[in-house]
Amino acid sequence: MVKRERRLWNKTTTEVCFYITSLGADARVLGKAIRSHWGIENSLHWILDVTFGEDHSRIRTGHGPMNMGLLRRLSLNLLKREPSKQSIAQKRYRAAMDNDFVINLLLSNHSC
C-alpha cells in the first residue's frame, strides 16, 4: 500500500494505491520500482498523449494501432535528439511545415 499526498496552492488531495508484487517487503526497493514506473508514464506516455494525441486515435483494427504507435515513438525519439531548445510540440509543428527540417531529422547522426 502506498499513500500519496499532493499539495497545490488551493487544495490537498490524498490517494491510496495498492500494489501486488513478488518483491520482498523492502520500502526502498518498492519505492524505486513505483517511481520508475511513473517516470516512464510521465516521460513517454504523457508526451505521446498530449503532443501526438495518442489517446484520441481512432485507429483500432488490425496492425494499425501497433504500427502507428511505433511511428509515434520513432518520431518522438527523432524530435528529442534534435539539439534545438524548442519543445517537442514546436519541433513537431516545424517538421510539418519545413521539409528541410524533416530531412535533417532523418539524416542526422547524433551519438546516443
PDB file of N, CA and C in Angstrom:
ATOM      1  N   MET A   1       0.847  -1.175   0.000  1.00  0.00           N
ATOM      2  CA  MET A   1       0.000   0.000   0.000  1.00  0.00           C
ATOM      3  C   MET A   1       0.896   1.244   0.000  1.00  0.00           C
ATOM      4  N   VAL A   2       0.541   2.207  -0.826  1.00  0.00           N
ATOM      5  CA  VAL A   2       1.248   3.486  -0.867  1.00  0.00           C
ATOM      6  C   VAL A   2       0.215   4.587  -0.691  1.00  0.00           C
ATOM      7  N   LYS A   3       0.495   5.483   0.222  1.00  0.00           N
ATOM      8  CA  LYS A   3      -0.384   6.634   0.440  1.00  0.00           C
ATOM      9  C   LYS A   3       0.339   7.865  -0.094  1.00  0.00           C
ATOM     10  N   ARG A   4      -0.310   8.549  -1.042  1.00  0.00           N
ATOM     11  CA  ARG A   4       0.288   9.740  -1.652  1.00  0.00           C
ATOM     12  C   ARG A   4      -0.512  10.969  -1.238  1.00  0.00           C
ATOM     13  N   GLU A   5       0.224  12.034  -1.009  1.00  0.00           N
ATOM     14  CA  GLU A   5      -0.420  13.301  -0.702  1.00  0.00           C
ATOM     15  C   GLU A   5       0.100  14.339  -1.676  1.00  0.00           C
ATOM     16  N   ARG A   6      -0.797  15.054  -2.293  1.00  0.00           N
ATOM     17  CA  ARG A   6      -0.420  16.078  -3.268  1.00  0.00           C
ATOM     18  C   ARG A   6      -0.955  17.418  -2.782  1.00  0.00           C
ATOM     19  N   ARG A   7      -0.048  18.381  -2.684  1.00  0.00           N
ATOM     20  CA  ARG A   7      -0.437  19.708  -2.192  1.00  0.00           C
ATOM     21  C   ARG A   7      -0.284  20.728  -3.298  1.00  0.00           C
ATOM     22  N   LEU A   8      -1.374  21.389  -3.610  1.00  0.00           N
ATOM     23  CA  LEU A   8      -1.374  22.506  -4.538  1.00  0.00           C
ATOM     24  C   LEU A   8      -1.630  23.759  -3.719  1.00  0.00           C
ATOM     25  N   TRP A   9      -1.576  24.893  -4.349  1.00  0.00           N
ATOM     26  CA  TRP A   9      -1.751  26.140  -3.604  1.00  0.00           C
ATOM     27  C   TRP A   9      -3.142  26.254  -2.980  1.00  0.00           C
ATOM     28  N   ASN A  10      -4.162  25.596  -3.585  1.00  0.00           N
ATOM     29  CA  ASN A  10      -5.522  25.781  -3.087  1.00  0.00           C
ATOM     30  C   ASN A  10      -6.159  24.525  -2.501  1.00  0.00           C
ATOM     31  N   LYS A  11      -5.510  23.357  -2.612  1.00  0.00           N
ATOM     32  CA  LYS A  11      -6.103  22.162  -2.021  1.00  0.00           C
ATOM     33  C   LYS A  11      -5.057  21.048  -1.888  1.00  0.00           C
ATOM     34  N   THR A  12      -5.384  20.108  -1.031  1.00  0.00           N
ATOM     35  CA  THR A  12      -4.547  18.934  -0.807  1.00  0.00           C
ATOM     36  C   THR A  12      -5.378  17.702  -1.105  1.00  0.00           C
ATOM     37  N   THR A  13      -4.825  16.780  -1.884  1.00  0.00           N
ATOM     38  CA  THR A  13      -5.529  15.525  -2.176  1.00  0.00           C
ATOM     39  C   THR A  13      -4.689  14.360  -1.661  1.00  0.00           C
ATOM     40  N   THR A  14      -5.377  13.314  -1.257  1.00  0.00           N
ATOM     41  CA  THR A  14      -4.728  12.108  -0.766  1.00  0.00           C
ATOM     42  C   THR A  14      -5.228  10.933  -1.588  1.00  0.00           C
ATOM     43  N   GLU A  15      -4.316  10.021  -1.909  1.00  0.00           N
ATOM     44  CA  GLU A  15      -4.649   8.848  -2.713  1.00  0.00           C
ATOM     45  C   GLU A  15      -3.970   7.635  -2.089  1.00  0.00           C
ATOM     46  N   VAL A  16      -4.689   6.529  -2.029  1.00  0.00           N
ATOM     47  CA  VAL A  16      -4.118   5.279  -1.537  1.00  0.00           C
ATOM     48  C   VAL A  16      -4.112   4.290  -2.693  1.00  0.00           C
ATOM     49  N   CYS A  17      -2.941   3.707  -2.971  1.00  0.00           N
ATOM     50  CA  CYS A  17      -2.800   2.735  -4.055  1.00  0.00           C
ATOM     51  C   CYS A  17      -2.265   1.424  -3.483  1.00  0.00           C
ATOM     52  N   PHE A  18      -2.738   0.321  -4.035  1.00  0.00           N
ATOM     53  CA  PHE A  18      -2.286  -0.994  -3.618  1.00  0.00           C
ATOM     54  C   PHE A  18      -1.551  -1.655  -4.775  1.00  0.00           C
ATOM     55  N   TYR A  19      -0.451  -2.316  -4.484  1.00  0.00           N
ATOM     56  CA  TYR A  19       0.371  -2.982  -5.479  1.00  0.00           C
ATOM     57  C   TYR A  19       0.567  -4.434  -5.086  1.00  0.00           C
ATOM     58  N   ILE A  20       0.597  -5.293  -6.089  1.00  0.00           N
ATOM     59  CA  ILE A  20       0.899  -6.713  -5.870  1.00  0.00           C
ATOM     60  C   ILE A  20       2.251  -6.984  -6.512  1.00  0.00           C
ATOM     61  N   THR A  21       3.156  -7.615  -5.756  1.00  0.00           N
ATOM     62  CA  THR A  21       4.500  -7.866  -6.269  1.00  0.00           C
ATOM     63  C   THR A  21       5.090  -9.108  -5.616  1.00  0.00           C
ATOM     64  N   SER A  22       6.072  -9.664  -6.283  1.00  0.00           N
ATOM     65  CA  SER A  22       6.802 -10.782  -5.707  1.00  0.00           C
ATOM     66  C   SER A  22       8.079 -10.293  -5.017  1.00  0.00           C
ATOM     67  N   LEU A  23       8.320  -8.990  -5.052  1.00  0.00           N
ATOM     68  CA  LEU A  23       9.494  -8.428  -4.383  1.00  0.00           C
ATOM     69  C   LEU A  23       9.329  -8.530  -2.871  1.00  0.00           C
ATOM     70  N   GLY A  24      10.437  -8.538  -2.186  1.00  0.00           N
ATOM     71  CA  GLY A  24      10.398  -8.537  -0.724  1.00  0.00           C
ATOM     72  C   GLY A  24       9.850  -7.219  -0.198  1.00  0.00           C
ATOM     73  N   ALA A  25       9.520  -7.179   1.077  1.00  0.00           N
ATOM     74  CA  ALA A  25       8.893  -6.001   1.674  1.00  0.00           C
ATOM     75  C   ALA A  25       9.948  -4.973   2.079  1.00  0.00           C
ATOM     76  N   ASP A  26      10.746  -4.519   1.135  1.00  0.00           N
ATOM     77  CA  ASP A  26      11.762  -3.504   1.378  1.00  0.00           C
ATOM     78  C   ASP A  26      11.246  -2.185   0.797  1.00  0.00           C
ATOM     79  N   ALA A  27      10.976  -1.218   1.659  1.00  0.00           N
ATOM     80  CA  ALA A  27      10.355   0.040   1.234  1.00  0.00           C
ATOM     81  C   ALA A  27      11.189   0.767   0.181  1.00  0.00           C
ATOM     82  N   ARG A  28      12.504   0.735   0.299  1.00  0.00           N
ATOM     83  CA  ARG A  28      13.355   1.430  -0.683  1.00  0.00           C
ATOM     84  C   ARG A  28      13.236   0.798  -2.066  1.00  0.00           C
ATOM     85  N   VAL A  29      13.273  -0.533  -2.123  1.00  0.00           N
ATOM     86  CA  VAL A  29      13.180  -1.238  -3.408  1.00  0.00           C
ATOM     87  C   VAL A  29      11.805  -1.017  -4.026  1.00  0.00           C
ATOM     88  N   LEU A  30      10.764  -1.154  -3.219  1.00  0.00           N
ATOM     89  CA  LEU A  30       9.404  -0.960  -3.736  1.00  0.00           C
ATOM     90  C   LEU A  30       9.187   0.482  -4.181  1.00  0.00           C
ATOM     91  N   GLY A  31       9.679   1.432  -3.400  1.00  0.00           N
ATOM     92  CA  GLY A  31       9.538   2.841  -3.778  1.00  0.00           C
ATOM     93  C   GLY A  31      10.231   3.145  -5.087  1.00  0.00           C
ATOM     94  N   LYS A  32      11.420   2.587  -5.271  1.00  0.00           N
ATOM     95  CA  LYS A  32      12.163   2.791  -6.523  1.00  0.00           C
ATOM     96  C   LYS A  32      11.409   2.196  -7.711  1.00  0.00           C
ATOM     97  N   ALA A  33      10.833   1.001  -7.535  1.00  0.00           N
ATOM     98  CA  ALA A  33      10.072   0.362  -8.620  1.00  0.00           C
ATOM     99  C   ALA A  33       8.851   1.191  -8.996  1.00  0.00           C
ATOM    100  N   ILE A  34       8.146   1.711  -7.999  1.00  0.00           N
ATOM    101  CA  ILE A  34       6.944   2.513  -8.268  1.00  0.00           C
ATOM    102  C   ILE A  34       7.318   3.828  -8.940  1.00  0.00           C
ATOM    103  N   ARG A  35       8.357   4.502  -8.435  1.00  0.00           N
ATOM    104  CA  ARG A  35       8.785   5.761  -9.054  1.00  0.00           C
ATOM    105  C   ARG A  35       9.283   5.536 -10.477  1.00  0.00           C
ATOM    106  N   SER A  36       9.954   4.416 -10.714  1.00  0.00           N
ATOM    107  CA  SER A  36      10.431   4.086 -12.050  1.00  0.00           C
ATOM    108  C   SER A  36       9.260   3.952 -13.018  1.00  0.00           C
ATOM    109  N   HIS A  37       8.200   3.285 -12.566  1.00  0.00           N
ATOM    110  CA  HIS A  37       7.009   3.136 -13.412  1.00  0.00           C
ATOM    111  C   HIS A  37       6.434   4.505 -13.763  1.00  0.00           C
ATOM    112  N   TRP A  38       6.301   5.379 -12.775  1.00  0.00           N
ATOM    113  CA  TRP A  38       5.720   6.693 -13.036  1.00  0.00           C
ATOM    114  C   TRP A  38       6.662   7.576 -13.842  1.00  0.00           C
ATOM    115  N   GLY A  39       7.971   7.347 -13.745  1.00  0.00           N
ATOM    116  CA  GLY A  39       8.910   8.089 -14.580  1.00  0.00           C
ATOM    117  C   GLY A  39       8.685   7.800 -16.049  1.00  0.00           C
ATOM    118  N   ILE A  40       8.435   6.534 -16.357  1.00  0.00           N
ATOM    119  CA  ILE A  40       8.132   6.152 -17.741  1.00  0.00           C
ATOM    120  C   ILE A  40       6.814   6.776 -18.167  1.00  0.00           C
ATOM    121  N   GLU A  41       5.815   6.692 -17.309  1.00  0.00           N
ATOM    122  CA  GLU A  41       4.499   7.264 -17.619  1.00  0.00           C
ATOM    123  C   GLU A  41       4.620   8.756 -17.919  1.00  0.00           C
ATOM    124  N   ASN A  42       5.354   9.465 -17.090  1.00  0.00           N
ATOM    125  CA  ASN A  42       5.462  10.911 -17.252  1.00  0.00           C
ATOM    126  C   ASN A  42       6.337  11.318 -18.428  1.00  0.00           C
ATOM    127  N   SER A  43       7.384  10.563 -18.710  1.00  0.00           N
ATOM    128  CA  SER A  43       8.300  10.993 -19.763  1.00  0.00           C
ATOM    129  C   SER A  43       7.920  10.498 -21.150  1.00  0.00           C
ATOM    130  N   LEU A  44       7.193   9.419 -21.256  1.00  0.00           N
ATOM    131  CA  LEU A  44       6.871   8.879 -22.575  1.00  0.00           C
ATOM    132  C   LEU A  44       5.376   8.956 -22.872  1.00  0.00           C
ATOM    133  N   HIS A  45       4.575   8.288 -22.085  1.00  0.00           N
ATOM    134  CA  HIS A  45       3.153   8.186 -22.389  1.00  0.00           C
ATOM    135  C   HIS A  45       2.452   9.546 -22.360  1.00  0.00           C
ATOM    136  N   TRP A  46       2.839  10.398 -21.420  1.00  0.00           N
ATOM    137  CA  TRP A  46       2.216  11.711 -21.337  1.00  0.00           C
ATOM    138  C   TRP A  46       2.521  12.514 -22.595  1.00  0.00           C
ATOM    139  N   ILE A  47       3.775  12.498 -23.045  1.00  0.00           N
ATOM    140  CA  ILE A  47       4.153  13.233 -24.258  1.00  0.00           C
ATOM    141  C   ILE A  47       3.424  12.674 -25.471  1.00  0.00           C
ATOM    142  N   LEU A  48       3.343  11.341 -25.561  1.00  0.00           N
ATOM    143  CA  LEU A  48       2.640  10.742 -26.697  1.00  0.00           C
ATOM    144  C   LEU A  48       1.171  11.136 -26.701  1.00  0.00           C
ATOM    145  N   ASP A  49       0.569  11.218 -25.527  1.00  0.00           N
ATOM    146  CA  ASP A  49      -0.842  11.585 -25.471  1.00  0.00           C
ATOM    147  C   ASP A  49      -1.049  13.067 -25.742  1.00  0.00           C
ATOM    148  N   VAL A  50      -0.288  13.918 -25.084  1.00  0.00           N
ATOM    149  CA  VAL A  50      -0.502  15.360 -25.208  1.00  0.00           C
ATOM    150  C   VAL A  50      -0.026  15.891 -26.554  1.00  0.00           C
ATOM    151  N   THR A  51       1.173  15.521 -26.976  1.00  0.00           N
ATOM    152  CA  THR A  51       1.740  16.078 -28.204  1.00  0.00           C
ATOM    153  C   THR A  51       1.239  15.376 -29.455  1.00  0.00           C
ATOM    154  N   PHE A  52       1.078  14.058 -29.376  1.00  0.00           N
ATOM    155  CA  PHE A  52       0.678  13.293 -30.550  1.00  0.00           C
ATOM    156  C   PHE A  52      -0.785  12.865 -30.508  1.00  0.00           C
ATOM    157  N   GLY A  53      -1.511  13.164 -29.441  1.00  0.00           N
ATOM    158  CA  GLY A  53      -2.935  12.828 -29.343  1.00  0.00           C
ATOM    159  C   GLY A  53      -3.208  11.340 -29.398  1.00  0.00           C
ATOM    160  N   GLU A  54      -2.322  10.542 -28.834  1.00  0.00           N
ATOM    161  CA  GLU A  54      -2.437   9.093 -28.952  1.00  0.00           C
ATOM    162  C   GLU A  54      -3.750   8.548 -28.384  1.00  0.00           C
ATOM    163  N   ASP A  55      -4.211   9.081 -27.262  1.00  0.00           N
ATOM    164  CA  ASP A  55      -5.447   8.571 -26.666  1.00  0.00           C
ATOM    165  C   ASP A  55      -6.681   8.871 -27.518  1.00  0.00           C
ATOM    166  N   HIS A  56      -6.588   9.841 -28.395  1.00  0.00           N
ATOM    167  CA  HIS A  56      -7.729  10.203 -29.245  1.00  0.00           C
ATOM    168  C   HIS A  56      -7.707   9.503 -30.597  1.00  0.00           C
ATOM    169  N   SER A  57      -6.708   8.669 -30.811  1.00  0.00           N
ATOM    170  CA  SER A  57      -6.597   7.973 -32.091  1.00  0.00           C
ATOM    171  C   SER A  57      -7.792   7.052 -32.302  1.00  0.00           C
ATOM    172  N   ARG A  58      -8.331   7.040 -33.512  1.00  0.00           N
ATOM    173  CA  ARG A  58      -9.485   6.197 -33.856  1.00  0.00           C
ATOM    174  C   ARG A  58      -9.037   4.909 -34.546  1.00  0.00           C
ATOM    175  N   ILE A  59      -7.742   4.706 -34.661  1.00  0.00           N
ATOM    176  CA  ILE A  59      -7.217   3.505 -35.314  1.00  0.00           C
ATOM    177  C   ILE A  59      -7.345   2.352 -34.332  1.00  0.00           C
ATOM    178  N   ARG A  60      -8.183   1.346 -34.675  1.00  0.00           N
ATOM    179  CA  ARG A  60      -8.490   0.298 -33.716  1.00  0.00           C
ATOM    180  C   ARG A  60      -8.332  -1.132 -34.243  1.00  0.00           C
ATOM    181  N   THR A  61      -8.175  -1.311 -35.543  1.00  0.00           N
ATOM    182  CA  THR A  61      -8.218  -2.674 -36.078  1.00  0.00           C
ATOM    183  C   THR A  61      -6.897  -3.088 -36.713  1.00  0.00           C
ATOM    184  N   GLY A  62      -6.720  -4.390 -36.790  1.00  0.00           N
ATOM    185  CA  GLY A  62      -5.551  -4.958 -37.459  1.00  0.00           C
ATOM    186  C   GLY A  62      -4.258  -4.524 -36.807  1.00  0.00           C
ATOM    187  N   HIS A  63      -3.256  -4.314 -37.637  1.00  0.00           N
ATOM    188  CA  HIS A  63      -1.941  -3.898 -37.162  1.00  0.00           C
ATOM    189  C   HIS A  63      -1.825  -2.381 -37.034  1.00  0.00           C
ATOM    190  N   GLY A  64      -2.873  -1.671 -37.385  1.00  0.00           N
ATOM    191  CA  GLY A  64      -2.842  -0.210 -37.384  1.00  0.00           C
ATOM    192  C   GLY A  64      -2.411   0.418 -36.068  1.00  0.00           C
ATOM    193  N   PRO A  65      -3.015   0.035 -34.931  1.00  0.00           N
ATOM    194  CA  PRO A  65      -2.615   0.663 -33.658  1.00  0.00           C
ATOM    195  C   PRO A  65      -1.139   0.443 -33.329  1.00  0.00           C
ATOM    196  N   MET A  66      -0.637  -0.762 -33.560  1.00  0.00           N
ATOM    197  CA  MET A  66       0.762  -1.058 -33.255  1.00  0.00           C
ATOM    198  C   MET A  66       1.688  -0.288 -34.205  1.00  0.00           C
ATOM    199  N   ASN A  67       1.332  -0.242 -35.476  1.00  0.00           N
ATOM    200  CA  ASN A  67       2.156   0.473 -36.449  1.00  0.00           C
ATOM    201  C   ASN A  67       2.205   1.970 -36.154  1.00  0.00           C
ATOM    202  N   MET A  68       1.053   2.553 -35.848  1.00  0.00           N
ATOM    203  CA  MET A  68       1.028   3.989 -35.543  1.00  0.00           C
ATOM    204  C   MET A  68       1.762   4.290 -34.245  1.00  0.00           C
ATOM    205  N   GLY A  69       1.631   3.417 -33.253  1.00  0.00           N
ATOM    206  CA  GLY A  69       2.366   3.599 -32.005  1.00  0.00           C
ATOM    207  C   GLY A  69       3.866   3.588 -32.242  1.00  0.00           C
ATOM    208  N   LEU A  70       4.310   2.677 -33.090  1.00  0.00           N
ATOM    209  CA  LEU A  70       5.722   2.595 -33.436  1.00  0.00           C
ATOM    210  C   LEU A  70       6.189   3.874 -34.138  1.00  0.00           C
ATOM    211  N   LEU A  71       5.386   4.369 -35.084  1.00  0.00           N
ATOM    212  CA  LEU A  71       5.743   5.601 -35.797  1.00  0.00           C
ATOM    213  C   LEU A  71       5.777   6.805 -34.857  1.00  0.00           C
ATOM    214  N   ARG A  72       4.833   6.859 -33.899  1.00  0.00           N
ATOM    215  CA  ARG A  72       4.834   7.965 -32.933  1.00  0.00           C
ATOM    216  C   ARG A  72       6.094   7.931 -32.065  1.00  0.00           C
ATOM    217  N   ARG A  73       6.454   6.752 -31.575  1.00  0.00           N
ATOM    218  CA  ARG A  73       7.656   6.639 -30.728  1.00  0.00           C
ATOM    219  C   ARG A  73       8.920   6.948 -31.525  1.00  0.00           C
ATOM    220  N   LEU A  74       8.978   6.485 -32.766  1.00  0.00           N
ATOM    221  CA  LEU A  74      10.112   6.807 -33.635  1.00  0.00           C
ATOM    222  C   LEU A  74      10.211   8.319 -33.835  1.00  0.00           C
ATOM    223  N   SER A  75       9.088   8.948 -34.137  1.00  0.00           N
ATOM    224  CA  SER A  75       9.069  10.403 -34.339  1.00  0.00           C
ATOM    225  C   SER A  75       9.494  11.130 -33.075  1.00  0.00           C
ATOM    226  N   LEU A  76       8.985  10.692 -31.934  1.00  0.00           N
ATOM    227  CA  LEU A  76       9.339  11.324 -30.671  1.00  0.00           C
ATOM    228  C   LEU A  76      10.840  11.217 -30.409  1.00  0.00           C
ATOM    229  N   ASN A  77      11.417  10.064 -30.655  1.00  0.00           N
ATOM    230  CA  ASN A  77      12.855   9.894 -30.446  1.00  0.00           C
ATOM    231  C   ASN A  77      13.673  10.783 -31.380  1.00  0.00           C
ATOM    232  N   LEU A  78      13.249  10.898 -32.634  1.00  0.00           N
ATOM    233  CA  LEU A  78      13.955  11.783 -33.571  1.00  0.00           C
ATOM    234  C   LEU A  78      13.863  13.242 -33.114  1.00  0.00           C
ATOM    235  N   LEU A  79      12.683  13.644 -32.661  1.00  0.00           N
ATOM    236  CA  LEU A  79      12.499  15.025 -32.203  1.00  0.00           C
ATOM    237  C   LEU A  79      13.299  15.302 -30.932  1.00  0.00           C
ATOM    238  N   LYS A  80      13.386  14.332 -30.040  1.00  0.00           N
ATOM    239  CA  LYS A  80      14.170  14.518 -28.812  1.00  0.00           C
ATOM    240  C   LYS A  80      15.653  14.658 -29.106  1.00  0.00           C
ATOM    241  N   ARG A  81      16.142  13.971 -30.122  1.00  0.00           N
ATOM    242  CA  ARG A  81      17.565  14.013 -30.479  1.00  0.00           C
ATOM    243  C   ARG A  81      17.960  15.324 -31.150  1.00  0.00           C
ATOM    244  N   GLU A  82      17.002  16.037 -31.698  1.00  0.00           N
ATOM    245  CA  GLU A  82      17.288  17.309 -32.370  1.00  0.00           C
ATOM    246  C   GLU A  82      17.733  18.310 -31.300  1.00  0.00           C
ATOM    247  N   PRO A  83      18.903  18.955 -31.484  1.00  0.00           N
ATOM    248  CA  PRO A  83      19.527  19.708 -30.390  1.00  0.00           C
ATOM    249  C   PRO A  83      18.937  21.075 -30.050  1.00  0.00           C
ATOM    250  N   SER A  84      18.005  21.597 -30.818  1.00  0.00           N
ATOM    251  CA  SER A  84      17.490  22.936 -30.501  1.00  0.00           C
ATOM    252  C   SER A  84      16.729  22.915 -29.175  1.00  0.00           C
ATOM    253  N   LYS A  85      16.503  24.083 -28.623  1.00  0.00           N
ATOM    254  CA  LYS A  85      15.826  24.214 -27.330  1.00  0.00           C
ATOM    255  C   LYS A  85      14.305  24.279 -27.461  1.00  0.00           C
ATOM    256  N   GLN A  86      13.777  24.066 -28.663  1.00  0.00           N
ATOM    257  CA  GLN A  86      12.328  24.104 -28.860  1.00  0.00           C
ATOM    258  C   GLN A  86      11.670  22.924 -28.148  1.00  0.00           C
ATOM    259  N   SER A  87      10.397  23.090 -27.811  1.00  0.00           N
ATOM    260  CA  SER A  87       9.651  21.990 -27.211  1.00  0.00           C
ATOM    261  C   SER A  87       9.380  20.922 -28.270  1.00  0.00           C
ATOM    262  N   ILE A  88       8.972  19.753 -27.818  1.00  0.00           N
ATOM    263  CA  ILE A  88       8.625  18.674 -28.747  1.00  0.00           C
ATOM    264  C   ILE A  88       7.474  19.119 -29.644  1.00  0.00           C
ATOM    265  N   ALA A  89       6.487  19.803 -29.078  1.00  0.00           N
ATOM    266  CA  ALA A  89       5.350  20.273 -29.877  1.00  0.00           C
ATOM    267  C   ALA A  89       5.807  21.265 -30.947  1.00  0.00           C
ATOM    268  N   GLN A  90       6.720  22.155 -30.598  1.00  0.00           N
ATOM    269  CA  GLN A  90       7.225  23.123 -31.577  1.00  0.00           C
ATOM    270  C   GLN A  90       8.028  22.437 -32.676  1.00  0.00           C
ATOM    271  N   LYS A  91       8.844  21.465 -32.282  1.00  0.00           N
ATOM    272  CA  LYS A  91       9.617  20.722 -33.285  1.00  0.00           C
ATOM    273  C   LYS A  91       8.695  19.936 -34.198  1.00  0.00           C
ATOM    274  N   ARG A  92       7.636  19.360 -33.638  1.00  0.00           N
ATOM    275  CA  ARG A  92       6.682  18.593 -34.450  1.00  0.00           C
ATOM    276  C   ARG A  92       5.995  19.506 -35.469  1.00  0.00           C
ATOM    277  N   TYR A  93       5.593  20.685 -35.025  1.00  0.00           N
ATOM    278  CA  TYR A  93       4.963  21.652 -35.929  1.00  0.00           C
ATOM    279  C   TYR A  93       5.950  22.083 -37.010  1.00  0.00           C
ATOM    280  N   ARG A  94       7.192  22.351 -36.592  1.00  0.00           N
ATOM    281  CA  ARG A  94       8.220  22.748 -37.563  1.00  0.00           C
ATOM    282  C   ARG A  94       8.443  21.658 -38.601  1.00  0.00           C
ATOM    283  N   ALA A  95       8.434  20.396 -38.154  1.00  0.00           N
ATOM    284  CA  ALA A  95       8.614  19.277 -39.084  1.00  0.00           C
ATOM    285  C   ALA A  95       7.459  19.212 -40.084  1.00  0.00           C
ATOM    286  N   ALA A  96       6.264  19.590 -39.647  1.00  0.00           N
ATOM    287  CA  ALA A  96       5.106  19.585 -40.550  1.00  0.00           C
ATOM    288  C   ALA A  96       5.203  20.691 -41.593  1.00  0.00           C
ATOM    289  N   MET A  97       5.907  21.767 -41.261  1.00  0.00           N
ATOM    290  CA  MET A  97       5.934  22.929 -42.141  1.00  0.00           C
ATOM    291  C   MET A  97       7.228  23.061 -42.956  1.00  0.00           C
ATOM    292  N   ASP A  98       8.286  22.367 -42.557  1.00  0.00           N
ATOM    293  CA  ASP A  98       9.601  22.594 -43.153  1.00  0.00           C
ATOM    294  C   ASP A  98      10.233  21.260 -43.572  1.00  0.00           C
ATOM    295  N   ASN A  99      10.210  20.975 -44.871  1.00  0.00           N
ATOM    296  CA  ASN A  99      10.764  19.722 -45.381  1.00  0.00           C
ATOM    297  C   ASN A  99      12.260  19.580 -45.091  1.00  0.00           C
ATOM    298  N   ASP A 100      13.002  20.678 -45.131  1.00  0.00           N
ATOM    299  CA  ASP A 100      14.438  20.609 -44.839  1.00  0.00           C
ATOM    300  C   ASP A 100      14.686  20.173 -43.394  1.00  0.00           C
ATOM    301  N   PHE A 101      13.841  20.641 -42.483  1.00  0.00           N
ATOM    302  CA  PHE A 101      13.962  20.248 -41.082  1.00  0.00           C
ATOM    303  C   PHE A 101      13.747  18.737 -40.938  1.00  0.00           C
ATOM    304  N   VAL A 102      12.753  18.199 -41.629  1.00  0.00           N
ATOM    305  CA  VAL A 102      12.475  16.756 -41.576  1.00  0.00           C
ATOM    306  C   VAL A 102      13.662  15.968 -42.136  1.00  0.00           C
ATOM    307  N   ILE A 103      14.190  16.415 -43.247  1.00  0.00           N
ATOM    308  CA  ILE A 103      15.342  15.723 -43.845  1.00  0.00           C
ATOM    309  C   ILE A 103      16.524  15.714 -42.879  1.00  0.00           C
ATOM    310  N   ASN A 104      16.757  16.859 -42.233  1.00  0.00           N
ATOM    311  CA  ASN A 104      17.837  16.922 -41.233  1.00  0.00           C
ATOM    312  C   ASN A 104      17.569  15.990 -40.066  1.00  0.00           C
ATOM    313  N   LEU A 105      16.314  15.893 -39.620  1.00  0.00           N
ATOM    314  CA  LEU A 105      15.971  14.967 -38.537  1.00  0.00           C
ATOM    315  C   LEU A 105      16.295  13.525 -38.937  1.00  0.00           C
ATOM    316  N   LEU A 106      15.905  13.160 -40.146  1.00  0.00           N
ATOM    317  CA  LEU A 106      16.080  11.796 -40.606  1.00  0.00           C
ATOM    318  C   LEU A 106      17.529  11.437 -40.905  1.00  0.00           C
ATOM    319  N   LEU A 107      18.310  12.422 -41.343  1.00  0.00           N
ATOM    320  CA  LEU A 107      19.690  12.138 -41.730  1.00  0.00           C
ATOM    321  C   LEU A 107      20.714  12.405 -40.636  1.00  0.00           C
ATOM    322  N   SER A 108      20.275  13.068 -39.566  1.00  0.00           N
ATOM    323  CA  SER A 108      21.239  13.401 -38.515  1.00  0.00           C
ATOM    324  C   SER A 108      21.762  12.127 -37.858  1.00  0.00           C
ATOM    325  N   ASN A 109      23.010  12.182 -37.504  1.00  0.00           N
ATOM    326  CA  ASN A 109      23.658  11.017 -36.908  1.00  0.00           C
ATOM    327  C   ASN A 109      24.220  11.421 -35.551  1.00  0.00           C
ATOM    328  N   HIS A 110      23.324  11.797 -34.622  1.00  0.00           N
ATOM    329  CA  HIS A 110      23.750  12.187 -33.282  1.00  0.00           C
ATOM    330  C   HIS A 110      24.199  10.940 -32.533  1.00  0.00           C
ATOM    331  N   SER A 111      25.249  11.062 -31.767  1.00  0.00           N
ATOM    332  CA  SER A 111      25.666   9.920 -30.962  1.00  0.00           C
ATOM    333  C   SER A 111      24.720   9.776 -29.786  1.00  0.00           C
ATOM    334  N   CYS A 112      24.415   8.543 -29.452  1.00  0.00           N
ATOM    335  CA  CYS A 112      23.462   8.271 -28.373  1.00  0.00           C
ATOM    336  C   CYS A 112      24.169   8.081 -27.060  1.00  0.00           C
TER     337      CYS A 112
END
